[in-house]
Amino acid sequence: MSASNLPMVIPSKKAWNNGRIIGQKRPLLPKHVWAIRVRLELANCVRDLALFNLAVDSKLRGCDLVKLKVADVYASGTIKERTSILQSKTKTPVRFEITEGTRKALADWINDPQMRGHDHLWPGRVHSRLHISTRQYARLLKNWVCSIGLEPCAYGTHSMRRTKVAQIYKKTGNLRAVQLLLGHTKMDSTVRYLGVDLEDALTISEAVEI
């Protein structure tokens, strides 16, 4: 029987990735970051603003971000300018900065009545959960990107992890700095994470004159 005479096979259900953008999630651009911040401030979303700002600053994986405790960022009545945590995936410490705007947002959230008696920075609303889940964090992110008209399928929790380092690499070309900030043990991981290719390398090389 020729191929043209074979019966047509119709799938019983759509593929899981039908209509979705798959692959590495895009980092947010600076204009996106500011647009989301403005909307969260205008809506007086104290927790979401603190979570969003710290996600950008910390460059942490979602699983580490949601588990942060108040003591990780707060000591002696003030928000720390720098702190470090032990990463769940690699079991190695990673250090990050907390910028002025993020410190203010965190201070507002920690002093909020909803935070009384909680040790975790992002407490869960269900008593059995000490903190929000990564799935809840992903839903919040989806709401943030949708609020400024972005395609939600193109962005994920790793978008927040990549947002600041993408700009650092773009401005400096310093892969080693990005590796340290992300807490990667191997440079190859950083290269793949940023999507660095030959064109990037040539662009950096062309900017250096000897």
C-alpha atoms as a PDB file:
ATOM      1  CA  MET A   1       0.000   0.000   0.000  1.00  0.00           C
ATOM      2  CA  SER A   2       1.427   3.391  -0.955  1.00  0.00           C
ATOM      3  CA  ALA A   3       1.842   6.143   1.588  1.00  0.00           C
ATOM      4  CA  SER A   4      -0.901   8.193  -0.081  1.00  0.00           C
ATOM      5  CA  ASN A   5      -3.445   5.410   0.548  1.00  0.00           C
ATOM      6  CA  LEU A   6      -2.689   5.038   4.254  1.00  0.00           C
ATOM      7  CA  PRO A   7      -5.519   6.092   6.596  1.00  0.00           C
ATOM      8  CA  MET A   8      -5.143   9.445   8.343  1.00  0.00           C
ATOM      9  CA  VAL A   9      -4.269   9.194  12.033  1.00  0.00           C
ATOM     10  CA  ILE A  10      -6.086  11.757  14.156  1.00  0.00           C
ATOM     11  CA  PRO A  11      -4.744  12.164  17.723  1.00  0.00           C
ATOM     12  CA  SER A  12      -7.349  11.579  20.416  1.00  0.00           C
ATOM     13  CA  LYS A  13      -6.178  14.630  22.381  1.00  0.00           C
ATOM     14  CA  LYS A  14      -3.998  17.652  21.816  1.00  0.00           C
ATOM     15  CA  ALA A  15      -0.292  17.491  22.590  1.00  0.00           C
ATOM     16  CA  TRP A  16       0.678  18.980  25.965  1.00  0.00           C
ATOM     17  CA  ASN A  17       2.715  21.706  24.234  1.00  0.00           C
ATOM     18  CA  ASN A  18       0.091  22.597  21.629  1.00  0.00           C
ATOM     19  CA  GLY A  19       0.003  26.378  21.301  1.00  0.00           C
ATOM     20  CA  ARG A  20       2.651  26.858  23.993  1.00  0.00           C
ATOM     21  CA  ILE A  21       6.033  28.501  23.744  1.00  0.00           C
ATOM     22  CA  ILE A  22       8.500  25.890  24.966  1.00  0.00           C
ATOM     23  CA  GLY A  23      12.203  26.069  25.693  1.00  0.00           C
ATOM     24  CA  GLN A  24      14.157  28.525  27.828  1.00  0.00           C
ATOM     25  CA  LYS A  25      12.016  31.284  29.317  1.00  0.00           C
ATOM     26  CA  ARG A  26      12.827  34.875  28.480  1.00  0.00           C
ATOM     27  CA  PRO A  27      14.235  37.287  31.047  1.00  0.00           C
ATOM     28  CA  LEU A  28      12.239  40.436  31.720  1.00  0.00           C
ATOM     29  CA  LEU A  29      13.574  43.645  30.213  1.00  0.00           C
ATOM     30  CA  PRO A  30      14.170  46.719  32.432  1.00  0.00           C
ATOM     31  CA  LYS A  31      11.039  48.393  31.024  1.00  0.00           C
ATOM     32  CA  HIS A  32       9.008  45.316  32.000  1.00  0.00           C
ATOM     33  CA  VAL A  33      10.433  45.349  35.534  1.00  0.00           C
ATOM     34  CA  TRP A  34       9.515  48.980  36.060  1.00  0.00           C
ATOM     35  CA  ALA A  35       6.058  48.529  34.535  1.00  0.00           C
ATOM     36  CA  ILE A  36       5.257  45.664  36.916  1.00  0.00           C
ATOM     37  CA  ARG A  37       6.633  47.582  39.908  1.00  0.00           C
ATOM     38  CA  VAL A  38       4.452  50.601  39.142  1.00  0.00           C
ATOM     39  CA  ARG A  39       1.331  48.460  38.849  1.00  0.00           C
ATOM     40  CA  LEU A  40       2.035  46.649  42.126  1.00  0.00           C
ATOM     41  CA  GLU A  41       2.675  49.958  43.898  1.00  0.00           C
ATOM     42  CA  LEU A  42      -0.520  51.525  42.560  1.00  0.00           C
ATOM     43  CA  ALA A  43      -2.515  48.439  43.590  1.00  0.00           C
ATOM     44  CA  ASN A  44      -0.866  48.559  47.048  1.00  0.00           C
ATOM     45  CA  CYS A  45       0.171  44.899  46.750  1.00  0.00           C
ATOM     46  CA  VAL A  46       2.722  45.020  49.575  1.00  0.00           C
ATOM     47  CA  ARG A  47       3.646  41.336  49.578  1.00  0.00           C
ATOM     48  CA  ASP A  48       3.763  40.963  45.800  1.00  0.00           C
ATOM     49  CA  LEU A  49       5.959  44.042  45.409  1.00  0.00           C
ATOM     50  CA  ALA A  50       8.418  42.734  48.014  1.00  0.00           C
ATOM     51  CA  LEU A  51       8.410  39.277  46.422  1.00  0.00           C
ATOM     52  CA  PHE A  52       8.898  40.631  42.908  1.00  0.00           C
ATOM     53  CA  ASN A  53      11.733  42.964  43.903  1.00  0.00           C
ATOM     54  CA  LEU A  54      13.564  40.305  45.887  1.00  0.00           C
ATOM     55  CA  ALA A  55      13.149  37.773  43.074  1.00  0.00           C
ATOM     56  CA  VAL A  56      14.935  40.179  40.728  1.00  0.00           C
ATOM     57  CA  ASP A  57      17.679  41.081  43.208  1.00  0.00           C
ATOM     58  CA  SER A  58      18.359  37.609  44.602  1.00  0.00           C
ATOM     59  CA  LYS A  59      18.467  35.701  41.301  1.00  0.00           C
ATOM     60  CA  LEU A  60      17.355  32.631  43.272  1.00  0.00           C
ATOM     61  CA  ARG A  61      15.582  29.567  41.978  1.00  0.00           C
ATOM     62  CA  GLY A  62      11.898  29.542  42.837  1.00  0.00           C
ATOM     63  CA  CYS A  63      12.347  26.670  45.304  1.00  0.00           C
ATOM     64  CA  ASP A  64      14.857  28.734  47.312  1.00  0.00           C
ATOM     65  CA  LEU A  65      12.991  32.037  47.032  1.00  0.00           C
ATOM     66  CA  VAL A  66       9.731  30.708  48.503  1.00  0.00           C
ATOM     67  CA  LYS A  67      11.576  29.137  51.472  1.00  0.00           C
ATOM     68  CA  LEU A  68      13.294  32.335  52.597  1.00  0.00           C
ATOM     69  CA  LYS A  69      12.845  33.251  56.238  1.00  0.00           C
ATOM     70  CA  VAL A  70      12.582  36.685  57.789  1.00  0.00           C
ATOM     71  CA  ALA A  71      15.922  36.080  59.527  1.00  0.00           C
ATOM     72  CA  ASP A  72      17.591  35.634  56.126  1.00  0.00           C
ATOM     73  CA  VAL A  73      16.994  39.267  55.201  1.00  0.00           C
ATOM     74  CA  TYR A  74      16.286  41.002  58.526  1.00  0.00           C
ATOM     75  CA  ALA A  75      18.543  41.536  61.548  1.00  0.00           C
ATOM     76  CA  SER A  76      18.860  44.082  64.373  1.00  0.00           C
ATOM     77  CA  GLY A  77      15.742  45.925  63.256  1.00  0.00           C
ATOM     78  CA  THR A  78      16.914  46.581  59.693  1.00  0.00           C
ATOM     79  CA  ILE A  79      16.905  44.866  56.299  1.00  0.00           C
ATOM     80  CA  LYS A  80      20.324  43.520  55.348  1.00  0.00           C
ATOM     81  CA  GLU A  81      22.128  45.029  52.366  1.00  0.00           C
ATOM     82  CA  ARG A  82      23.642  41.638  51.526  1.00  0.00           C
ATOM     83  CA  THR A  83      22.839  38.116  52.606  1.00  0.00           C
ATOM     84  CA  SER A  84      23.541  34.509  51.674  1.00  0.00           C
ATOM     85  CA  ILE A  85      21.622  31.236  51.686  1.00  0.00           C
ATOM     86  CA  LEU A  86      22.348  27.580  51.035  1.00  0.00           C
ATOM     87  CA  GLN A  87      20.941  26.494  47.681  1.00  0.00           C
ATOM     88  CA  SER A  88      18.609  23.481  47.741  1.00  0.00           C
ATOM     89  CA  LYS A  89      19.808  22.091  44.415  1.00  0.00           C
ATOM     90  CA  THR A  90      23.580  22.345  44.761  1.00  0.00           C
ATOM     91  CA  LYS A  91      23.936  22.545  48.560  1.00  0.00           C
ATOM     92  CA  THR A  92      26.365  25.410  48.076  1.00  0.00           C
ATOM     93  CA  PRO A  93      25.997  28.942  49.483  1.00  0.00           C
ATOM     94  CA  VAL A  94      25.143  31.857  47.231  1.00  0.00           C
ATOM     95  CA  ARG A  95      25.364  35.524  48.165  1.00  0.00           C
ATOM     96  CA  PHE A  96      23.195  38.339  46.827  1.00  0.00           C
ATOM     97  CA  GLU A  97      22.544  42.038  47.283  1.00  0.00           C
ATOM     98  CA  ILE A  98      19.319  43.675  48.438  1.00  0.00           C
ATOM     99  CA  THR A  99      18.945  47.069  46.776  1.00  0.00           C
ATOM    100  CA  GLU A 100      17.436  50.130  48.420  1.00  0.00           C
ATOM    101  CA  GLY A 101      14.030  49.834  46.744  1.00  0.00           C
ATOM    102  CA  THR A 102      13.806  46.164  47.669  1.00  0.00           C
ATOM    103  CA  ARG A 103      14.803  46.889  51.279  1.00  0.00           C
ATOM    104  CA  LYS A 104      11.972  49.418  51.555  1.00  0.00           C
ATOM    105  CA  ALA A 105       9.457  46.968  50.055  1.00  0.00           C
ATOM    106  CA  LEU A 106      10.628  44.208  52.414  1.00  0.00           C
ATOM    107  CA  ALA A 107      10.424  46.507  55.450  1.00  0.00           C
ATOM    108  CA  ASP A 108       6.840  47.448  54.534  1.00  0.00           C
ATOM    109  CA  TRP A 109       5.932  43.768  54.157  1.00  0.00           C
ATOM    110  CA  ILE A 110       7.629  42.576  57.366  1.00  0.00           C
ATOM    111  CA  ASN A 111       5.823  45.318  59.328  1.00  0.00           C
ATOM    112  CA  ASP A 112       2.483  44.409  57.740  1.00  0.00           C
ATOM    113  CA  PRO A 113      -0.109  42.931  60.169  1.00  0.00           C
ATOM    114  CA  GLN A 114      -0.334  39.803  57.970  1.00  0.00           C
ATOM    115  CA  MET A 115       3.270  38.943  58.874  1.00  0.00           C
ATOM    116  CA  ARG A 116       2.811  38.838  62.649  1.00  0.00           C
ATOM    117  CA  GLY A 117       4.014  35.578  64.147  1.00  0.00           C
ATOM    118  CA  HIS A 118       5.477  34.225  60.888  1.00  0.00           C
ATOM    119  CA  ASP A 119       9.074  33.078  60.527  1.00  0.00           C
ATOM    120  CA  HIS A 120       8.895  32.577  56.757  1.00  0.00           C
ATOM    121  CA  LEU A 121       9.039  35.614  54.512  1.00  0.00           C
ATOM    122  CA  TRP A 122       6.203  34.421  52.267  1.00  0.00           C
ATOM    123  CA  PRO A 123       3.837  32.524  54.611  1.00  0.00           C
ATOM    124  CA  GLY A 124       1.256  30.200  53.127  1.00  0.00           C
ATOM    125  CA  ARG A 125      -2.419  30.965  53.560  1.00  0.00           C
ATOM    126  CA  VAL A 126      -3.142  27.385  54.572  1.00  0.00           C
ATOM    127  CA  HIS A 127      -2.034  26.524  58.121  1.00  0.00           C
ATOM    128  CA  SER A 128      -0.438  23.260  56.993  1.00  0.00           C
ATOM    129  CA  ARG A 129       1.951  25.169  54.707  1.00  0.00           C
ATOM    130  CA  LEU A 130       4.727  27.231  56.230  1.00  0.00           C
ATOM    131  CA  HIS A 131       5.335  29.159  53.009  1.00  0.00           C
ATOM    132  CA  ILE A 132       3.852  29.602  49.542  1.00  0.00           C
ATOM    133  CA  SER A 133       4.603  26.877  47.009  1.00  0.00           C
ATOM    134  CA  THR A 134       6.576  27.259  43.801  1.00  0.00           C
ATOM    135  CA  ARG A 135       3.300  26.725  41.943  1.00  0.00           C
ATOM    136  CA  GLN A 136       1.744  29.677  43.764  1.00  0.00           C
ATOM    137  CA  TYR A 137       4.819  31.738  42.908  1.00  0.00           C
ATOM    138  CA  ALA A 138       4.449  30.741  39.244  1.00  0.00           C
ATOM    139  CA  ARG A 139       0.780  31.831  39.287  1.00  0.00           C
ATOM    140  CA  LEU A 140       1.742  35.196  40.753  1.00  0.00           C
ATOM    141  CA  LEU A 141       4.365  35.634  38.040  1.00  0.00           C
ATOM    142  CA  LYS A 142       1.779  34.847  35.386  1.00  0.00           C
ATOM    143  CA  ASN A 143      -0.478  37.578  36.784  1.00  0.00           C
ATOM    144  CA  TRP A 144       2.423  40.046  36.806  1.00  0.00           C
ATOM    145  CA  VAL A 145       3.422  39.512  33.191  1.00  0.00           C
ATOM    146  CA  CYS A 146      -0.198  39.460  31.996  1.00  0.00           C
ATOM    147  CA  SER A 147      -0.817  42.793  33.745  1.00  0.00           C
ATOM    148  CA  ILE A 148       1.616  44.518  31.356  1.00  0.00           C
ATOM    149  CA  GLY A 149       0.446  42.685  28.239  1.00  0.00           C
ATOM    150  CA  LEU A 150       3.204  40.059  27.919  1.00  0.00           C
ATOM    151  CA  GLU A 151       2.616  36.504  26.681  1.00  0.00           C
ATOM    152  CA  PRO A 152       2.572  34.372  29.875  1.00  0.00           C
ATOM    153  CA  CYS A 153       3.794  31.226  28.089  1.00  0.00           C
ATOM    154  CA  ALA A 154       7.064  32.980  27.244  1.00  0.00           C
ATOM    155  CA  TYR A 155       7.909  33.667  30.900  1.00  0.00           C
ATOM    156  CA  GLY A 156       8.373  31.486  33.967  1.00  0.00           C
ATOM    157  CA  THR A 157       9.928  31.587  37.418  1.00  0.00           C
ATOM    158  CA  HIS A 158      13.362  31.192  35.819  1.00  0.00           C
ATOM    159  CA  SER A 159      12.684  34.457  33.975  1.00  0.00           C
ATOM    160  CA  MET A 160      13.059  36.213  37.328  1.00  0.00           C
ATOM    161  CA  ARG A 161      16.319  34.374  37.995  1.00  0.00           C
ATOM    162  CA  ARG A 162      17.700  35.418  34.603  1.00  0.00           C
ATOM    163  CA  THR A 163      16.437  39.024  34.514  1.00  0.00           C
ATOM    164  CA  LYS A 164      19.252  40.827  36.330  1.00  0.00           C
ATOM    165  CA  VAL A 165      22.132  38.600  35.205  1.00  0.00           C
ATOM    166  CA  ALA A 166      21.067  39.006  31.559  1.00  0.00           C
ATOM    167  CA  GLN A 167      21.544  42.761  31.928  1.00  0.00           C
ATOM    168  CA  ILE A 168      24.844  42.318  33.792  1.00  0.00           C
ATOM    169  CA  TYR A 169      26.193  40.101  31.022  1.00  0.00           C
ATOM    170  CA  LYS A 170      24.891  42.445  28.323  1.00  0.00           C
ATOM    171  CA  LYS A 171      26.644  45.442  29.894  1.00  0.00           C
ATOM    172  CA  THR A 172      29.885  43.793  31.024  1.00  0.00           C
ATOM    173  CA  GLY A 173      30.328  40.486  29.178  1.00  0.00           C
ATOM    174  CA  ASN A 174      31.642  39.114  32.488  1.00  0.00           C
ATOM    175  CA  LEU A 175      30.649  35.450  32.596  1.00  0.00           C
ATOM    176  CA  ARG A 176      32.569  34.783  35.810  1.00  0.00           C
ATOM    177  CA  ALA A 177      30.564  37.430  37.666  1.00  0.00           C
ATOM    178  CA  VAL A 178      27.315  35.918  36.381  1.00  0.00           C
ATOM    179  CA  GLN A 179      28.474  32.437  37.408  1.00  0.00           C
ATOM    180  CA  LEU A 180      29.120  33.603  40.977  1.00  0.00           C
ATOM    181  CA  LEU A 181      25.821  35.475  41.207  1.00  0.00           C
ATOM    182  CA  LEU A 182      23.845  32.448  40.011  1.00  0.00           C
ATOM    183  CA  GLY A 183      25.785  30.070  42.243  1.00  0.00           C
ATOM    184  CA  HIS A 184      26.755  27.797  39.350  1.00  0.00           C
ATOM    185  CA  THR A 185      29.589  25.363  40.000  1.00  0.00           C
ATOM    186  CA  LYS A 186      30.539  25.067  36.311  1.00  0.00           C
ATOM    187  CA  MET A 187      31.028  27.794  33.716  1.00  0.00           C
ATOM    188  CA  ASP A 188      29.377  25.572  31.088  1.00  0.00           C
ATOM    189  CA  SER A 189      26.124  25.822  33.039  1.00  0.00           C
ATOM    190  CA  THR A 190      26.325  29.610  32.989  1.00  0.00           C
ATOM    191  CA  VAL A 191      27.040  29.684  29.258  1.00  0.00           C
ATOM    192  CA  ARG A 192      24.022  27.474  28.510  1.00  0.00           C
ATOM    193  CA  TYR A 193      21.867  29.404  30.953  1.00  0.00           C
ATOM    194  CA  LEU A 194      22.536  32.735  29.288  1.00  0.00           C
ATOM    195  CA  GLY A 195      22.342  31.268  25.798  1.00  0.00           C
ATOM    196  CA  VAL A 196      25.801  32.603  24.975  1.00  0.00           C
ATOM    197  CA  ASP A 197      26.808  31.717  21.435  1.00  0.00           C
ATOM    198  CA  LEU A 198      29.534  32.528  18.927  1.00  0.00           C
ATOM    199  CA  GLU A 199      27.822  35.761  17.855  1.00  0.00           C
ATOM    200  CA  ASP A 200      27.949  37.050  21.451  1.00  0.00           C
ATOM    201  CA  ALA A 201      31.607  36.112  21.734  1.00  0.00           C
ATOM    202  CA  LEU A 202      32.459  37.903  18.483  1.00  0.00           C
ATOM    203  CA  THR A 203      30.537  41.028  19.548  1.00  0.00           C
ATOM    204  CA  ILE A 204      32.519  41.184  22.794  1.00  0.00           C
ATOM    205  CA  SER A 205      35.772  40.580  20.930  1.00  0.00           C
ATOM    206  CA  GLU A 206      35.037  43.347  18.421  1.00  0.00           C
ATOM    207  CA  ALA A 207      34.534  45.835  21.245  1.00  0.00           C
ATOM    208  CA  VAL A 208      38.086  45.251  22.520  1.00  0.00           C
ATOM    209  CA  GLU A 209      40.907  46.978  20.682  1.00  0.00           C
ATOM    210  CA  ILE A 210      44.597  46.125  21.168  1.00  0.00           C
END
